Protein backbone atom coordinates (compact mmCIF):
# COMPACT_ATOMS: atom_id res chain seq x y z
CA MET A 1 4.80 -4.63 -13.79
CA ASP A 2 7.26 -5.05 -10.96
CA ALA A 3 5.96 -3.97 -7.53
CA PHE A 4 9.55 -3.21 -6.48
CA SER A 5 10.61 -1.28 -9.58
CA PRO A 6 12.57 1.88 -8.68
CA THR A 7 10.48 3.90 -11.16
CA PRO A 8 6.90 4.65 -10.13
CA PRO A 9 4.20 3.76 -12.66
CA ALA A 10 2.11 6.63 -14.07
CA TRP A 11 -1.06 5.56 -12.20
CA THR A 12 0.57 6.39 -8.84
CA GLN A 13 0.56 10.12 -9.70
CA THR A 14 -3.18 10.40 -8.96
CA ALA A 15 -3.17 8.19 -5.84
CA ILE A 16 -4.86 9.50 -2.71
CA HIS A 17 -3.93 8.67 0.89
CA ALA A 18 -6.18 6.02 2.38
CA TYR A 19 -6.36 6.32 6.17
CA ARG A 20 -7.99 2.90 6.48
CA PHE A 21 -6.00 0.20 4.68
CA CYS A 22 -8.53 -0.20 1.87
CA CYS A 23 -9.75 1.63 -1.21
CA PRO A 24 -11.25 4.96 -0.13
CA ARG A 25 -13.83 4.79 -2.93
CA CYS A 26 -15.26 1.25 -2.67
CA GLN A 27 -13.57 -0.10 0.53
CA ALA A 28 -12.06 -3.10 -1.34
CA SER A 29 -9.07 -4.64 0.41
CA ALA A 30 -5.53 -4.30 -0.91
CA SER A 31 -5.65 -7.96 -1.96
CA LYS A 32 -8.23 -7.00 -4.60
CA ALA A 33 -5.91 -4.45 -6.24
CA GLN A 34 -5.16 -4.80 -9.94
CA GLN A 35 -1.69 -3.29 -9.58
CA VAL A 36 0.69 -2.65 -6.69
CA TRP A 37 3.84 -0.56 -6.36
CA MET A 38 5.97 -0.01 -3.26
CA ASN A 39 8.07 3.11 -2.90
CA ARG A 40 11.07 1.43 -1.28
CA ARG A 41 13.47 4.19 -2.32
CA SER A 42 12.17 6.67 0.25
CA PRO A 43 11.64 5.01 3.64
CA VAL A 44 10.37 7.07 6.55
CA MET A 45 11.35 6.45 10.16
CA GLY A 46 8.37 5.86 12.47
CA GLU A 47 8.01 6.74 16.14
CA ASP A 48 9.33 3.29 17.08
CA PHE A 49 12.44 3.84 14.90
CA ARG A 50 11.25 1.28 12.33
CA ARG A 51 11.24 2.05 8.64
CA LYS A 52 7.97 2.28 6.74
CA TRP A 53 7.23 2.76 3.05
CA GLN A 54 4.42 4.04 0.91
CA GLU A 55 2.46 1.21 -0.70
CA PHE A 56 0.46 2.17 -3.78
CA TYR A 57 -2.57 0.23 -5.02
CA GLN A 58 -4.77 0.54 -8.09
CA CYS A 59 -8.18 -0.83 -7.21
CA GLU A 60 -10.67 -2.73 -9.37
CA CYS A 61 -12.81 0.44 -9.35
CA GLU A 62 -9.81 2.28 -10.92
CA GLN A 63 -9.15 4.42 -7.83
CA SER A 64 -5.43 4.70 -7.04
CA TRP A 65 -4.58 4.95 -3.35
CA TRP A 66 -1.63 4.65 -1.02
CA ALA A 67 -1.05 3.84 2.64
CA TRP A 68 1.93 3.34 4.93
CA SER A 69 3.35 -0.18 5.17
CA SER A 70 3.11 0.09 8.96
CA ASP A 71 -0.68 0.52 8.68
CA ARG A 72 -1.17 -2.78 6.82
CA PRO A 73 -3.25 -5.17 8.95
CA PRO A 74 -1.75 -8.56 9.89
CA SER A 75 -2.13 -11.23 7.25
CA GLU A 76 -4.83 -13.82 7.78
CA LEU A 77 -2.30 -16.35 6.44
CA THR A 78 -0.05 -16.06 9.49
CA LYS A 79 -0.54 -18.06 12.67
CA PRO A 80 -1.69 -16.10 15.72
CA ASP A 81 0.86 -15.70 18.51
CA GLU A 82 0.60 -18.39 21.12
């Protein structure tokens, strides 16, 4: 499965909006997702005039959820600003 495919996978149809960037059922992080799909065909303009996309995740617990790309927390793999 391609996370950037233009066609959404069937499991995204039942996804619910997660207001915290984790599974709303079991609170697992997005990095624990079994499948990921990003809706890059329909960007939305935020208040700061930056584009954001819907990111869809299918969790280990089988809950499908989505959140805005702008709500994703910073990666722990990046260096902090100095």
